[in-house]
Amino acid sequence: MRKIKKEGWKNNLNQALFETENKITAFEIILIIFILISSLAVILESIPAVESRYGPALLAAEWFFTIVFTVEYALRIISASSKRGYLFSFYGSIDFISIIPMYLSFIIGGPHPFLIIRLFRLLRLFRIFKLSKYVVEAENILKALKASRAKLVVFVFMVLTVLVMMGALMYLVEGRYHGFTNIPKSIYWAVETMTTVGFGDIVPITPLGQAISSVLMLLSYVVIAVFTGILSAEMTRIQFEHRAGRFCRHCNTKTHDADANYCRKCGKKI
C-alpha cells in the first residue's frame, strides 16, 4: 500500500513538472516569473552603481532563487521517469548549470563570474512554445530546414568561399597600411560587409577596394534573397501538404492525416 501511494505521489509530481505539453500550469507560470526575476537580479548586479547600493538585497535574492531552483531540480530528479535521461537532457543540463555558480561562489568566496550562467535559465521560457497552437508551426519550420538542408549546406559553403576569396582579394588590394593586416582580418571585414553590419573599424581606401566593397554589398542582397527563397519554398510546400492532405513520396498515396509519420499503404516514412 505504501509503495502504491509512493508511486502515485511520484506520478502526480511527474505530471506537474514534466507533463505540460499542451497547457501552462500554475507551477510553470510561477517558474517563469522566478526565472525572469532571477535573471533581472543578475543583470542589475552587473551595474556597479546598483550593486554598491543594493548588493545585500541582490545577494539575498540570488540565494533565495538558488534554493528554489535547487529544490525544483531535486524534485525533477526524484519524479523523472528516467533519471539519467533527465540529468543528461538539454533542460536538465540547463537546470544544473544554473544553480552551480552560486554554490561555487560560496565555496571559493566572493562574487563568482559564472553567476551570469544563470541567464541560460531563460531558455526554459521556450517551454511556452510547447503549447499546441504553436507546435504545428514550429514543426513546419523544422521540417522546412531539414528538407532544405542539402541546398542550405551548398549555399553556406558558397557564401563562405566568396567571403574567403573577397577577404584575400582585399588583403592584396588594400594591404596592411590600410588596416587589412592579414587575411583573417580581411575575411572579418568581408563578413561585416556582407551582413550589412558595417562597424567601420576597417574600411577600404583605394578606389579599387571601394569598388570591390560595392560589389560585396550588392551581393549581400542576393544572399539574403536566395536563403529566404530556399526556406520559403519548403515552407510553402509543407503548408500545402497540410492543407491538401499529406502524400507519400514512395507510392504517391494522398490524404494522410496531418500528424501521420508513415504511409497507410506502403508503410514507409512520409
Protein backbone atom coordinates (compact mmCIF):
# COMPACT_ATOMS: atom_id res chain seq x y z
CA MET A 1 0.00 0.00 0.00
CA ARG A 2 2.81 2.39 0.90
CA LYS A 3 4.58 1.58 -2.34
CA ILE A 4 1.43 2.34 -4.34
CA LYS A 5 0.99 5.66 -2.54
CA LYS A 6 4.64 6.48 -3.13
CA GLU A 7 4.37 5.69 -6.83
CA GLY A 8 1.14 7.71 -7.04
CA TRP A 9 2.87 10.69 -5.42
CA LYS A 10 5.74 10.43 -7.88
CA ASN A 11 3.38 10.16 -10.84
CA ASN A 12 1.46 13.25 -9.73
CA LEU A 13 4.71 15.15 -9.28
CA ASN A 14 5.95 13.94 -12.66
CA GLN A 15 2.79 15.20 -14.34
CA ALA A 16 3.08 18.57 -12.61
CA LEU A 17 6.73 19.04 -13.56
CA PHE A 18 7.02 17.36 -16.94
CA GLU A 19 3.61 16.75 -18.49
CA THR A 20 2.93 20.33 -19.63
CA GLU A 21 2.87 19.78 -23.36
CA ASN A 22 -0.49 21.38 -24.16
CA LYS A 23 -1.01 23.80 -21.30
CA ILE A 24 0.79 26.08 -18.92
CA THR A 25 0.23 25.04 -15.33
CA ALA A 26 0.36 27.29 -12.27
CA PHE A 27 3.75 25.79 -11.50
CA GLU A 28 5.05 26.76 -14.95
CA ILE A 29 3.77 30.33 -14.52
CA ILE A 30 5.48 30.67 -11.13
CA LEU A 31 8.68 29.14 -12.54
CA ILE A 32 8.69 31.59 -15.45
CA ILE A 33 8.20 34.54 -13.07
CA PHE A 34 11.06 33.32 -10.86
CA ILE A 35 13.34 32.86 -13.88
CA LEU A 36 12.61 36.39 -15.10
CA ILE A 37 13.16 37.96 -11.68
CA SER A 38 16.32 35.93 -11.08
CA SER A 39 17.71 36.96 -14.47
CA LEU A 40 16.84 40.58 -13.76
CA ALA A 41 18.76 40.37 -10.47
CA VAL A 42 21.84 39.06 -12.29
CA ILE A 43 21.59 41.88 -14.85
CA LEU A 44 21.19 44.57 -12.17
CA GLU A 45 24.11 43.14 -10.20
CA SER A 46 26.38 43.80 -13.19
CA ILE A 47 25.71 47.55 -12.85
CA PRO A 48 28.29 48.96 -10.35
CA ALA A 49 26.02 51.74 -9.03
CA VAL A 50 23.14 49.33 -8.39
CA GLU A 51 25.41 46.63 -6.92
CA SER A 52 27.05 49.05 -4.49
CA ARG A 53 23.69 50.28 -3.21
CA TYR A 54 21.55 47.15 -3.28
CA GLY A 55 24.28 44.49 -3.07
CA PRO A 56 22.98 42.73 0.07
CA ALA A 57 19.41 42.61 -1.26
CA LEU A 58 20.55 41.23 -4.60
CA LEU A 59 22.71 38.64 -2.83
CA ALA A 60 19.73 37.56 -0.71
CA ALA A 61 17.61 37.29 -3.83
CA GLU A 62 20.29 35.21 -5.52
CA TRP A 63 20.38 32.76 -2.62
CA PHE A 64 16.58 32.60 -2.50
CA PHE A 65 16.31 31.71 -6.18
CA THR A 66 19.23 29.30 -5.95
CA ILE A 67 17.49 27.39 -3.17
CA VAL A 68 14.17 27.42 -5.07
CA PHE A 69 15.79 26.16 -8.27
CA THR A 70 17.76 23.55 -6.31
CA VAL A 71 14.55 22.19 -4.79
CA GLU A 72 12.93 22.16 -8.23
CA TYR A 73 15.96 20.35 -9.67
CA ALA A 74 15.84 17.75 -6.90
CA LEU A 75 12.09 17.19 -7.38
CA ARG A 76 12.59 16.73 -11.10
CA ILE A 77 15.26 14.09 -10.48
CA ILE A 78 13.04 12.26 -7.98
CA SER A 79 9.96 12.25 -10.21
CA ALA A 80 11.61 11.79 -13.61
CA SER A 81 10.61 8.63 -15.46
CA SER A 82 14.24 8.27 -16.50
CA LYS A 83 16.61 9.98 -14.08
CA ARG A 84 19.58 9.54 -16.40
CA GLY A 85 17.53 10.80 -19.31
CA TYR A 86 16.63 13.99 -17.45
CA LEU A 87 20.10 14.59 -15.99
CA PHE A 88 21.74 14.48 -19.42
CA SER A 89 18.91 16.16 -21.29
CA PHE A 90 19.15 19.72 -22.61
CA TYR A 91 16.86 21.22 -19.95
CA GLY A 92 18.36 19.04 -17.25
CA SER A 93 21.80 20.44 -18.06
CA ILE A 94 20.42 23.98 -18.04
CA ASP A 95 18.85 23.38 -14.61
CA PHE A 96 22.14 22.07 -13.26
CA ILE A 97 24.46 24.80 -14.54
CA SER A 98 22.05 27.49 -13.36
CA ILE A 99 22.39 26.53 -9.69
CA ILE A 100 26.07 25.56 -9.53
CA PRO A 101 27.61 29.08 -9.81
CA MET A 102 26.12 30.33 -6.54
CA TYR A 103 27.46 27.35 -4.62
CA LEU A 104 30.86 27.88 -6.24
CA SER A 105 30.84 31.50 -5.08
CA PHE A 106 30.11 30.29 -1.53
CA ILE A 107 32.92 27.70 -1.60
CA ILE A 108 35.53 29.84 -3.35
CA GLY A 109 34.44 33.10 -1.77
CA GLY A 110 33.47 36.44 -3.21
CA PRO A 111 31.30 37.12 -6.26
CA HIS A 112 31.66 34.46 -8.88
CA PRO A 113 31.74 35.50 -12.56
CA PHE A 114 29.92 32.33 -13.57
CA LEU A 115 26.73 33.64 -11.97
CA ILE A 116 25.97 35.07 -15.39
CA ILE A 117 25.33 31.48 -16.48
CA ARG A 118 22.02 31.74 -14.66
CA LEU A 119 20.73 33.71 -17.62
CA PHE A 120 20.70 30.42 -19.50
CA ARG A 121 17.62 29.54 -17.50
CA LEU A 122 15.80 31.96 -19.77
CA LEU A 123 15.93 29.09 -22.25
CA ARG A 124 13.28 27.45 -20.11
CA LEU A 125 10.89 30.16 -21.29
CA PHE A 126 10.83 28.32 -24.59
CA ARG A 127 8.58 25.79 -22.85
CA ILE A 128 5.67 28.06 -23.74
CA PHE A 129 6.22 27.07 -27.36
CA LYS A 130 5.13 23.55 -26.44
CA LEU A 131 1.56 24.77 -26.43
CA SER A 132 -0.49 23.01 -29.09
CA LYS A 133 -1.29 26.11 -31.13
CA TYR A 134 2.43 26.70 -31.69
CA VAL A 135 3.53 23.11 -32.22
CA VAL A 136 2.41 22.80 -35.83
CA GLU A 137 4.13 26.00 -36.92
CA ALA A 138 7.32 25.09 -35.06
CA GLU A 139 7.32 21.65 -36.65
CA ASN A 140 6.80 23.20 -40.10
CA ILE A 141 9.87 25.40 -39.66
CA LEU A 142 11.98 22.43 -38.51
CA LYS A 143 10.72 20.30 -41.38
CA ALA A 144 11.49 23.07 -43.87
CA LEU A 145 15.03 23.38 -42.52
CA LYS A 146 15.50 19.62 -42.60
CA ALA A 147 14.09 19.25 -46.12
CA SER A 148 16.27 22.04 -47.49
CA ARG A 149 19.43 21.14 -45.56
CA ALA A 150 21.29 19.92 -48.65
CA LYS A 151 20.60 23.16 -50.51
CA LEU A 152 21.45 25.23 -47.44
CA VAL A 153 24.75 23.38 -46.91
CA VAL A 154 25.78 24.04 -50.52
CA PHE A 155 24.61 27.64 -50.23
CA VAL A 156 26.51 28.26 -46.99
CA PHE A 157 29.64 26.66 -48.49
CA MET A 158 29.38 29.01 -51.48
CA VAL A 159 28.95 32.02 -49.20
CA LEU A 160 31.99 31.03 -47.13
CA THR A 161 34.00 30.59 -50.32
CA VAL A 162 33.02 34.06 -51.50
CA LEU A 163 33.94 35.55 -48.12
CA VAL A 164 37.38 33.92 -48.16
CA MET A 165 38.03 35.00 -51.75
CA MET A 166 36.86 38.57 -51.12
CA GLY A 167 38.91 38.77 -47.93
CA ALA A 168 42.05 37.54 -49.69
CA LEU A 169 41.43 39.92 -52.59
CA MET A 170 41.02 42.91 -50.30
CA TYR A 171 44.20 41.92 -48.46
CA LEU A 172 46.07 42.14 -51.76
CA VAL A 173 44.37 45.35 -52.91
CA GLU A 174 44.38 47.38 -49.69
CA GLY A 175 47.33 45.88 -47.85
CA ARG A 176 48.50 46.25 -44.27
CA TYR A 177 48.84 50.02 -44.42
CA HIS A 178 45.06 50.42 -44.81
CA GLY A 179 44.09 48.20 -41.88
CA PHE A 180 43.88 44.86 -43.74
CA THR A 181 46.78 43.46 -41.75
CA ASN A 182 46.13 39.79 -42.54
CA ILE A 183 43.73 37.56 -44.45
CA PRO A 184 41.63 36.51 -41.40
CA LYS A 185 41.04 40.17 -40.56
CA SER A 186 40.17 40.83 -44.20
CA ILE A 187 37.67 37.94 -44.06
CA TYR A 188 36.21 39.54 -40.94
CA TRP A 189 35.75 42.73 -42.98
CA ALA A 190 34.02 40.68 -45.71
CA VAL A 191 31.62 39.14 -43.17
CA GLU A 192 30.97 42.57 -41.69
CA THR A 193 30.22 44.00 -45.13
CA MET A 194 28.11 41.12 -46.45
CA THR A 195 25.92 41.11 -43.34
CA THR A 196 25.45 44.88 -43.77
CA VAL A 197 26.65 45.48 -40.21
CA GLY A 198 29.34 47.96 -41.18
CA PHE A 199 31.12 48.74 -37.91
CA GLY A 200 33.53 50.96 -39.78
CA ASP A 201 36.60 49.70 -37.94
CA ILE A 202 38.10 48.57 -41.27
CA VAL A 203 37.30 50.49 -44.46
CA PRO A 204 38.80 50.36 -47.96
CA ILE A 205 40.73 53.44 -49.03
CA THR A 206 41.71 52.77 -52.64
CA PRO A 207 39.19 53.18 -55.50
CA LEU A 208 39.57 49.51 -56.43
CA GLY A 209 38.93 48.43 -52.85
CA GLN A 210 35.82 50.61 -52.69
CA ALA A 211 34.60 49.09 -55.95
CA ILE A 212 35.06 45.58 -54.54
CA SER A 213 33.18 46.65 -51.40
CA SER A 214 30.28 47.90 -53.52
CA VAL A 215 30.09 44.55 -55.31
CA LEU A 216 30.08 42.68 -51.99
CA MET A 217 27.35 44.96 -50.58
CA LEU A 218 25.12 44.29 -53.59
CA LEU A 219 25.90 40.60 -53.34
CA SER A 220 24.62 40.58 -49.77
CA TYR A 221 21.08 41.24 -51.02
CA VAL A 222 21.35 38.26 -53.34
CA VAL A 223 22.49 36.09 -50.41
CA ILE A 224 19.51 37.14 -48.30
CA ALA A 225 17.12 36.59 -51.20
CA VAL A 226 18.45 33.12 -52.02
CA PHE A 227 18.37 31.94 -48.39
CA THR A 228 14.86 33.28 -47.92
CA GLY A 229 13.74 31.73 -51.20
CA ILE A 230 15.03 28.26 -50.31
CA LEU A 231 13.32 28.27 -46.93
CA SER A 232 10.11 29.89 -48.22
CA ALA A 233 9.74 27.28 -50.97
CA GLU A 234 9.92 24.44 -48.46
CA MET A 235 7.55 26.21 -46.06
CA THR A 236 5.03 26.70 -48.87
CA ARG A 237 5.26 23.04 -49.86
CA ILE A 238 4.79 21.85 -46.29
CA GLN A 239 1.82 24.14 -45.69
CA PHE A 240 0.25 22.88 -48.92
CA GLU A 241 0.69 19.31 -47.75
CA HIS A 242 -1.10 20.09 -44.50
CA ARG A 243 -3.97 21.73 -46.33
CA ALA A 244 -4.37 19.15 -49.09
CA GLY A 245 -3.50 16.11 -47.02
CA ARG A 246 -0.02 14.64 -46.75
CA PHE A 247 1.14 12.35 -49.54
CA CYS A 248 3.71 9.58 -49.68
CA ARG A 249 6.66 10.19 -51.98
CA HIS A 250 7.24 6.45 -52.33
CA CYS A 251 3.82 5.33 -53.59
CA ASN A 252 2.10 8.73 -54.11
CA THR A 253 -0.75 7.84 -51.80
CA LYS A 254 -2.55 11.00 -50.71
CA THR A 255 -4.97 12.13 -47.97
CA HIS A 256 -2.89 11.10 -44.99
CA ASP A 257 -3.62 12.70 -41.65
CA ALA A 258 -1.66 15.87 -40.88
CA ASP A 259 0.16 14.14 -37.98
CA ALA A 260 0.86 10.88 -39.85
CA ASN A 261 4.52 9.85 -39.97
CA TYR A 262 4.16 6.67 -42.05
CA CYS A 263 2.22 5.85 -45.20
CA ARG A 264 -1.04 3.99 -44.62
CA LYS A 265 -0.49 1.97 -47.82
CA CYS A 266 3.23 1.12 -48.13
CA GLY A 267 4.22 1.75 -44.52
CA LYS A 268 7.24 3.83 -45.42
CA LYS A 269 8.05 7.10 -43.70
CA ILE A 270 6.34 10.09 -45.28
